[in-house]
């Protein structure tokens, strides 16, 4: 999937504050219907997920593993889009015009960052800011597998879809993109990457 310029139940919550994190999920959930300022709208959305290697769960079968947190975004790199603002803060600079023609979303996977987590009025912790790692910072090795799921023709992977949580799958199947690719969207293929970026830019 390329981007262009154009909370759940009562689970154990990670501590609020600023944390070292690593991106482990990029999930395309397709075009979702919603409402904004009283008017119905439709937006292509993605979920970006992170693990917190220094903050470990203490309850349930996953005790001892890192917390994971995620945020929904509209899949757009337009100037006012939250996704673009967060990615620019993460990278330490904005996108060039060439990059805005089609930034490969796979580039963010397995990259480290700092996350600011803040509880909402229901005491559920949410990502409120993404920032670049301080110079010299080292992110501990990844624990969770990387998950990349796209509804773009040629990238749809049924085995990855089957591995998603039931809640996410319910959102995906509501999208027109899922209806299209599930009826024969083409063979999965590898996407290109920007290989000429500066070394100090994480993606």
Foldseek 3Di string as FASTA:
>chain_A
DWAAAVDDDPDDAWDFFKAKKFWFEKAWQAWDWDDDPRHIDIFGKIKIKIWGQVTADCDDPRGPGTDMAIDMFGRYCHPPGPVQVQLCQQQVHGDDPVCNHIADPVLRHGFMWMFGWDADPVRHIHTDHTHHDPPPDDDPDDDDHHQYADLAQQAHDVVSLVVDDPVSNVSNVVHVSCVVVVVPRYHHDDDDHPPPDDPSGSD
